[in-house]
């Protein structure tokens, strides 16, 4: 809590509270690490609020994300492994994954498919192991994202990269809910099903 005691952070929290109670139907919180969770509690006493948490479990621990969820009217997580923790403090918590605006995709455009395989996402050990495995097998993987071969892409640039790719590789991070416990050992193997399909 000392983190929130600096004059600038206290002023920002006070200003946000004053703005949030001006008659809105819903106040949406995300990327709140500079916001005191007690400010969320105060705002929720005046107006409905929603806490949208889209980061991995390590970030949830770092900022005590469950406290923001606790004091909001409702909350959501993109990593399924965090859902139980959020539900413990706020039963109105849900698993809602991030999406992309469909109108960003121009389905009528004829874009040259000049990349064999594309992966968009930040680097972690699991992703690096699988992509390295594919590259060593001679597959040309273009990796966009923090720690990858190219910088991250968003919005229209993200869509353009996908449109130029022949194959879009999707490798979820640990805890996102798609990698079930019974398949963990198979997915940790470097000759994961996706790799085997690409190599055939």
C-alpha atoms as a PDB file:
ATOM      1  CA  UNK A   1       0.000   0.000   0.000  1.00  0.00           C
ATOM      2  CA  UNK A   2       2.973   2.381   0.405  1.00  0.00           C
ATOM      3  CA  UNK A   3       3.200   2.347  -3.399  1.00  0.00           C
ATOM      4  CA  UNK A   4      -0.049   4.325  -3.620  1.00  0.00           C
ATOM      5  CA  UNK A   5       0.990   6.960  -1.076  1.00  0.00           C
ATOM      6  CA  UNK A   6       3.087   9.092  -3.402  1.00  0.00           C
ATOM      7  CA  UNK A   7       1.446  12.510  -3.954  1.00  0.00           C
ATOM      8  CA  UNK A   8       1.122  11.988  -7.729  1.00  0.00           C
ATOM      9  CA  UNK A   9      -0.550   8.555  -7.398  1.00  0.00           C
ATOM     10  CA  UNK A  10      -2.871   9.775  -4.649  1.00  0.00           C
ATOM     11  CA  UNK A  11      -3.892  12.749  -6.825  1.00  0.00           C
ATOM     12  CA  UNK A  12      -4.480  10.458  -9.830  1.00  0.00           C
ATOM     13  CA  UNK A  13      -6.668   8.122  -7.756  1.00  0.00           C
ATOM     14  CA  UNK A  14      -8.636  11.054  -6.359  1.00  0.00           C
ATOM     15  CA  UNK A  15      -9.150  12.541  -9.828  1.00  0.00           C
ATOM     16  CA  UNK A  16     -10.289   9.195 -11.229  1.00  0.00           C
ATOM     17  CA  UNK A  17     -12.815   8.777  -8.421  1.00  0.00           C
ATOM     18  CA  UNK A  18     -14.231  12.258  -9.046  1.00  0.00           C
ATOM     19  CA  UNK A  19     -14.556  11.552 -12.780  1.00  0.00           C
ATOM     20  CA  UNK A  20     -15.968   8.032 -12.397  1.00  0.00           C
ATOM     21  CA  UNK A  21     -18.949   9.062 -10.257  1.00  0.00           C
ATOM     22  CA  UNK A  22     -20.286  11.600 -12.777  1.00  0.00           C
ATOM     23  CA  UNK A  23     -23.199   9.459 -13.905  1.00  0.00           C
ATOM     24  CA  UNK A  24     -21.687   6.629 -15.951  1.00  0.00           C
ATOM     25  CA  UNK A  25     -23.580   3.336 -16.232  1.00  0.00           C
ATOM     26  CA  UNK A  26     -20.413   1.257 -16.012  1.00  0.00           C
ATOM     27  CA  UNK A  27     -16.744   1.947 -15.280  1.00  0.00           C
ATOM     28  CA  UNK A  28     -14.341  -0.526 -16.877  1.00  0.00           C
ATOM     29  CA  UNK A  29     -10.934  -1.094 -15.251  1.00  0.00           C
ATOM     30  CA  UNK A  30      -7.928  -2.704 -16.933  1.00  0.00           C
ATOM     31  CA  UNK A  31      -4.146  -2.208 -16.666  1.00  0.00           C
ATOM     32  CA  UNK A  32      -4.692  -0.876 -13.141  1.00  0.00           C
ATOM     33  CA  UNK A  33      -1.304  -1.392 -11.497  1.00  0.00           C
ATOM     34  CA  UNK A  34      -1.029   2.330 -10.626  1.00  0.00           C
ATOM     35  CA  UNK A  35      -4.579   2.376  -9.239  1.00  0.00           C
ATOM     36  CA  UNK A  36      -5.265   1.705  -5.552  1.00  0.00           C
ATOM     37  CA  UNK A  37      -7.757  -1.170  -5.232  1.00  0.00           C
ATOM     38  CA  UNK A  38      -9.515   0.858  -2.510  1.00  0.00           C
ATOM     39  CA  UNK A  39     -10.277   3.450  -5.198  1.00  0.00           C
ATOM     40  CA  UNK A  40     -12.044   0.651  -7.093  1.00  0.00           C
ATOM     41  CA  UNK A  41     -13.997  -0.098  -3.901  1.00  0.00           C
ATOM     42  CA  UNK A  42     -15.014   3.550  -3.499  1.00  0.00           C
ATOM     43  CA  UNK A  43     -16.080   3.861  -7.148  1.00  0.00           C
ATOM     44  CA  UNK A  44     -18.036   0.582  -6.965  1.00  0.00           C
ATOM     45  CA  UNK A  45     -20.032   1.993  -4.039  1.00  0.00           C
ATOM     46  CA  UNK A  46     -21.342   4.661  -6.448  1.00  0.00           C
ATOM     47  CA  UNK A  47     -21.519   2.965  -9.869  1.00  0.00           C
ATOM     48  CA  UNK A  48     -21.269  -0.544 -11.390  1.00  0.00           C
ATOM     49  CA  UNK A  49     -17.703  -1.504 -12.278  1.00  0.00           C
ATOM     50  CA  UNK A  50     -15.952  -4.251 -14.220  1.00  0.00           C
ATOM     51  CA  UNK A  51     -12.345  -5.391 -13.814  1.00  0.00           C
ATOM     52  CA  UNK A  52     -10.934  -6.909 -17.016  1.00  0.00           C
ATOM     53  CA  UNK A  53      -7.635  -8.695 -16.323  1.00  0.00           C
ATOM     54  CA  UNK A  54      -5.825  -9.881 -19.449  1.00  0.00           C
ATOM     55  CA  UNK A  55      -2.325 -10.668 -18.159  1.00  0.00           C
ATOM     56  CA  UNK A  56      -0.655 -13.932 -17.067  1.00  0.00           C
ATOM     57  CA  UNK A  57      -0.621 -15.320 -13.500  1.00  0.00           C
ATOM     58  CA  UNK A  58       2.822 -13.844 -12.735  1.00  0.00           C
ATOM     59  CA  UNK A  59       1.424 -10.335 -13.286  1.00  0.00           C
ATOM     60  CA  UNK A  60      -1.674 -11.184 -11.230  1.00  0.00           C
ATOM     61  CA  UNK A  61       0.580 -12.042  -8.287  1.00  0.00           C
ATOM     62  CA  UNK A  62       2.746  -8.951  -8.775  1.00  0.00           C
ATOM     63  CA  UNK A  63      -0.124  -6.473  -8.577  1.00  0.00           C
ATOM     64  CA  UNK A  64      -2.499  -8.520  -6.332  1.00  0.00           C
ATOM     65  CA  UNK A  65      -5.101  -8.554  -9.128  1.00  0.00           C
ATOM     66  CA  UNK A  66      -7.573 -10.497  -6.998  1.00  0.00           C
ATOM     67  CA  UNK A  67      -8.028  -7.386  -4.820  1.00  0.00           C
ATOM     68  CA  UNK A  68      -9.193  -5.351  -7.811  1.00  0.00           C
ATOM     69  CA  UNK A  69     -11.589  -8.179  -8.677  1.00  0.00           C
ATOM     70  CA  UNK A  70     -12.790  -8.316  -5.076  1.00  0.00           C
ATOM     71  CA  UNK A  71     -13.902  -4.699  -5.035  1.00  0.00           C
ATOM     72  CA  UNK A  72     -15.405  -4.524  -8.547  1.00  0.00           C
ATOM     73  CA  UNK A  73     -19.037  -5.360  -9.321  1.00  0.00           C
ATOM     74  CA  UNK A  74     -17.829  -8.015 -11.753  1.00  0.00           C
ATOM     75  CA  UNK A  75     -14.532  -9.259 -13.145  1.00  0.00           C
ATOM     76  CA  UNK A  76     -13.041 -11.344 -15.916  1.00  0.00           C
ATOM     77  CA  UNK A  77      -9.747 -13.077 -16.656  1.00  0.00           C
ATOM     78  CA  UNK A  78      -8.210 -14.243 -19.927  1.00  0.00           C
ATOM     79  CA  UNK A  79      -6.120 -16.931 -18.192  1.00  0.00           C
ATOM     80  CA  UNK A  80      -8.404 -19.727 -17.022  1.00  0.00           C
ATOM     81  CA  UNK A  81      -5.992 -20.706 -14.239  1.00  0.00           C
ATOM     82  CA  UNK A  82      -6.822 -17.411 -12.481  1.00  0.00           C
ATOM     83  CA  UNK A  83     -10.584 -17.889 -12.528  1.00  0.00           C
ATOM     84  CA  UNK A  84     -10.874 -19.846  -9.267  1.00  0.00           C
ATOM     85  CA  UNK A  85      -8.853 -17.219  -7.383  1.00  0.00           C
ATOM     86  CA  UNK A  86     -11.050 -14.421  -8.722  1.00  0.00           C
ATOM     87  CA  UNK A  87     -14.239 -16.371  -7.938  1.00  0.00           C
ATOM     88  CA  UNK A  88     -13.077 -16.864  -4.337  1.00  0.00           C
ATOM     89  CA  UNK A  89     -13.198 -13.106  -3.788  1.00  0.00           C
ATOM     90  CA  UNK A  90     -15.935 -12.197  -6.300  1.00  0.00           C
ATOM     91  CA  UNK A  91     -18.475 -14.807  -7.463  1.00  0.00           C
ATOM     92  CA  UNK A  92     -19.317 -12.544 -10.422  1.00  0.00           C
ATOM     93  CA  UNK A  93     -16.024 -13.403 -12.125  1.00  0.00           C
ATOM     94  CA  UNK A  94     -15.837 -14.970 -15.578  1.00  0.00           C
ATOM     95  CA  UNK A  95     -13.372 -16.353 -18.098  1.00  0.00           C
ATOM     96  CA  UNK A  96     -13.473 -14.064 -21.151  1.00  0.00           C
ATOM     97  CA  UNK A  97     -10.678 -14.339 -23.678  1.00  0.00           C
ATOM     98  CA  UNK A  98      -9.446 -11.459 -25.787  1.00  0.00           C
ATOM     99  CA  UNK A  99     -10.615 -11.157 -29.368  1.00  0.00           C
ATOM    100  CA  UNK A 100     -10.015  -9.191 -32.538  1.00  0.00           C
ATOM    101  CA  UNK A 101     -12.322  -6.825 -34.402  1.00  0.00           C
ATOM    102  CA  UNK A 102     -13.653  -8.649 -37.439  1.00  0.00           C
ATOM    103  CA  UNK A 103     -13.919  -5.432 -39.423  1.00  0.00           C
ATOM    104  CA  UNK A 104     -10.116  -5.206 -39.294  1.00  0.00           C
ATOM    105  CA  UNK A 105     -10.018  -8.118 -41.726  1.00  0.00           C
ATOM    106  CA  UNK A 106     -10.593  -7.272 -45.377  1.00  0.00           C
ATOM    107  CA  UNK A 107     -11.814 -10.635 -46.605  1.00  0.00           C
ATOM    108  CA  UNK A 108     -12.101  -9.447 -50.192  1.00  0.00           C
ATOM    109  CA  UNK A 109      -8.469  -8.367 -50.460  1.00  0.00           C
ATOM    110  CA  UNK A 110      -6.085 -10.466 -52.514  1.00  0.00           C
ATOM    111  CA  UNK A 111      -2.909 -10.376 -50.452  1.00  0.00           C
ATOM    112  CA  UNK A 112       0.141 -12.339 -51.577  1.00  0.00           C
ATOM    113  CA  UNK A 113       0.865 -15.176 -49.162  1.00  0.00           C
ATOM    114  CA  UNK A 114       4.608 -14.538 -48.825  1.00  0.00           C
ATOM    115  CA  UNK A 115       5.173 -16.059 -45.375  1.00  0.00           C
ATOM    116  CA  UNK A 116       4.989 -19.816 -44.848  1.00  0.00           C
ATOM    117  CA  UNK A 117       4.246 -19.858 -41.108  1.00  0.00           C
ATOM    118  CA  UNK A 118       3.464 -16.966 -38.761  1.00  0.00           C
ATOM    119  CA  UNK A 119       3.314 -16.867 -34.990  1.00  0.00           C
ATOM    120  CA  UNK A 120       2.227 -13.729 -33.110  1.00  0.00           C
ATOM    121  CA  UNK A 121       2.892 -13.681 -29.368  1.00  0.00           C
ATOM    122  CA  UNK A 122       5.381 -12.929 -26.618  1.00  0.00           C
ATOM    123  CA  UNK A 123       8.273 -15.255 -25.909  1.00  0.00           C
ATOM    124  CA  UNK A 124       8.113 -17.917 -23.213  1.00  0.00           C
ATOM    125  CA  UNK A 125      10.017 -21.190 -22.788  1.00  0.00           C
ATOM    126  CA  UNK A 126       7.254 -23.399 -24.223  1.00  0.00           C
ATOM    127  CA  UNK A 127       6.746 -21.269 -27.328  1.00  0.00           C
ATOM    128  CA  UNK A 128      10.469 -20.887 -27.915  1.00  0.00           C
ATOM    129  CA  UNK A 129      11.005 -24.663 -27.692  1.00  0.00           C
ATOM    130  CA  UNK A 130       8.301 -25.426 -30.278  1.00  0.00           C
ATOM    131  CA  UNK A 131       9.297 -22.667 -32.699  1.00  0.00           C
ATOM    132  CA  UNK A 132      12.981 -23.606 -32.436  1.00  0.00           C
ATOM    133  CA  UNK A 133      12.022 -27.200 -33.183  1.00  0.00           C
ATOM    134  CA  UNK A 134      10.166 -26.127 -36.333  1.00  0.00           C
ATOM    135  CA  UNK A 135      12.982 -23.853 -37.504  1.00  0.00           C
ATOM    136  CA  UNK A 136      15.572 -26.583 -37.012  1.00  0.00           C
ATOM    137  CA  UNK A 137      13.393 -28.832 -39.167  1.00  0.00           C
ATOM    138  CA  UNK A 138      13.620 -26.278 -41.989  1.00  0.00           C
ATOM    139  CA  UNK A 139      10.245 -24.578 -41.573  1.00  0.00           C
ATOM    140  CA  UNK A 140      10.331 -20.820 -42.135  1.00  0.00           C
ATOM    141  CA  UNK A 141       8.532 -19.405 -39.079  1.00  0.00           C
ATOM    142  CA  UNK A 142       8.092 -15.625 -38.818  1.00  0.00           C
ATOM    143  CA  UNK A 143       7.733 -14.798 -35.108  1.00  0.00           C
ATOM    144  CA  UNK A 144       6.167 -11.422 -34.280  1.00  0.00           C
ATOM    145  CA  UNK A 145       6.153 -10.363 -30.628  1.00  0.00           C
ATOM    146  CA  UNK A 146       8.272  -9.497 -27.646  1.00  0.00           C
ATOM    147  CA  UNK A 147      11.348 -11.730 -27.775  1.00  0.00           C
ATOM    148  CA  UNK A 148      10.555 -12.966 -31.305  1.00  0.00           C
ATOM    149  CA  UNK A 149      12.178 -12.239 -34.668  1.00  0.00           C
ATOM    150  CA  UNK A 150      10.033  -9.173 -35.403  1.00  0.00           C
ATOM    151  CA  UNK A 151       8.385  -6.507 -33.230  1.00  0.00           C
ATOM    152  CA  UNK A 152       4.815  -7.003 -31.906  1.00  0.00           C
ATOM    153  CA  UNK A 153       1.931  -6.206 -34.275  1.00  0.00           C
ATOM    154  CA  UNK A 154      -1.550  -4.944 -33.402  1.00  0.00           C
ATOM    155  CA  UNK A 155      -4.788  -3.931 -35.123  1.00  0.00           C
ATOM    156  CA  UNK A 156      -4.538  -3.587 -38.900  1.00  0.00           C
ATOM    157  CA  UNK A 157      -0.851  -4.601 -38.900  1.00  0.00           C
ATOM    158  CA  UNK A 158      -1.767  -7.798 -37.031  1.00  0.00           C
ATOM    159  CA  UNK A 159      -4.449  -8.593 -39.617  1.00  0.00           C
ATOM    160  CA  UNK A 160      -2.083  -7.885 -42.499  1.00  0.00           C
ATOM    161  CA  UNK A 161       0.505 -10.309 -41.085  1.00  0.00           C
ATOM    162  CA  UNK A 162      -2.168 -13.001 -40.766  1.00  0.00           C
ATOM    163  CA  UNK A 163      -3.400 -12.370 -44.309  1.00  0.00           C
ATOM    164  CA  UNK A 164       0.126 -12.781 -45.709  1.00  0.00           C
ATOM    165  CA  UNK A 165       0.670 -16.118 -43.985  1.00  0.00           C
ATOM    166  CA  UNK A 166      -0.007 -19.556 -45.430  1.00  0.00           C
ATOM    167  CA  UNK A 167      -0.191 -21.099 -41.935  1.00  0.00           C
ATOM    168  CA  UNK A 168      -1.005 -19.294 -38.666  1.00  0.00           C
ATOM    169  CA  UNK A 169       0.563 -21.030 -35.701  1.00  0.00           C
ATOM    170  CA  UNK A 170      -1.204 -20.683 -32.349  1.00  0.00           C
ATOM    171  CA  UNK A 171       0.680 -21.665 -29.184  1.00  0.00           C
ATOM    172  CA  UNK A 172      -1.130 -20.777 -25.965  1.00  0.00           C
ATOM    173  CA  UNK A 173       0.705 -19.802 -22.808  1.00  0.00           C
ATOM    174  CA  UNK A 174       0.516 -21.854 -19.616  1.00  0.00           C
ATOM    175  CA  UNK A 175      -2.657 -21.204 -17.671  1.00  0.00           C
ATOM    176  CA  UNK A 176      -4.780 -19.831 -20.496  1.00  0.00           C
ATOM    177  CA  UNK A 177      -7.292 -22.657 -20.184  1.00  0.00           C
ATOM    178  CA  UNK A 178      -6.809 -24.428 -23.509  1.00  0.00           C
ATOM    179  CA  UNK A 179      -3.947 -26.619 -22.327  1.00  0.00           C
ATOM    180  CA  UNK A 180      -5.779 -29.070 -20.096  1.00  0.00           C
ATOM    181  CA  UNK A 181      -3.990 -31.024 -17.390  1.00  0.00           C
ATOM    182  CA  UNK A 182      -4.422 -34.393 -19.120  1.00  0.00           C
ATOM    183  CA  UNK A 183      -2.608 -33.096 -22.210  1.00  0.00           C
ATOM    184  CA  UNK A 184       0.199 -31.225 -20.458  1.00  0.00           C
ATOM    185  CA  UNK A 185       2.802 -33.987 -20.883  1.00  0.00           C
ATOM    186  CA  UNK A 186       2.057 -34.286 -24.613  1.00  0.00           C
ATOM    187  CA  UNK A 187       2.191 -30.532 -25.106  1.00  0.00           C
ATOM    188  CA  UNK A 188       5.535 -30.228 -23.317  1.00  0.00           C
ATOM    189  CA  UNK A 189       7.083 -32.629 -25.815  1.00  0.00           C
ATOM    190  CA  UNK A 190       8.993 -30.968 -28.660  1.00  0.00           C
ATOM    191  CA  UNK A 191       7.302 -33.215 -31.214  1.00  0.00           C
ATOM    192  CA  UNK A 192       3.941 -31.743 -30.269  1.00  0.00           C
ATOM    193  CA  UNK A 193       1.049 -32.577 -32.598  1.00  0.00           C
ATOM    194  CA  UNK A 194       1.283 -29.184 -34.327  1.00  0.00           C
ATOM    195  CA  UNK A 195       4.966 -29.736 -35.071  1.00  0.00           C
ATOM    196  CA  UNK A 196       4.296 -33.212 -36.383  1.00  0.00           C
ATOM    197  CA  UNK A 197       1.529 -31.935 -38.675  1.00  0.00           C
ATOM    198  CA  UNK A 198       3.758 -29.195 -40.088  1.00  0.00           C
ATOM    199  CA  UNK A 199       6.602 -31.612 -40.705  1.00  0.00           C
ATOM    200  CA  UNK A 200       4.503 -34.210 -42.555  1.00  0.00           C
END
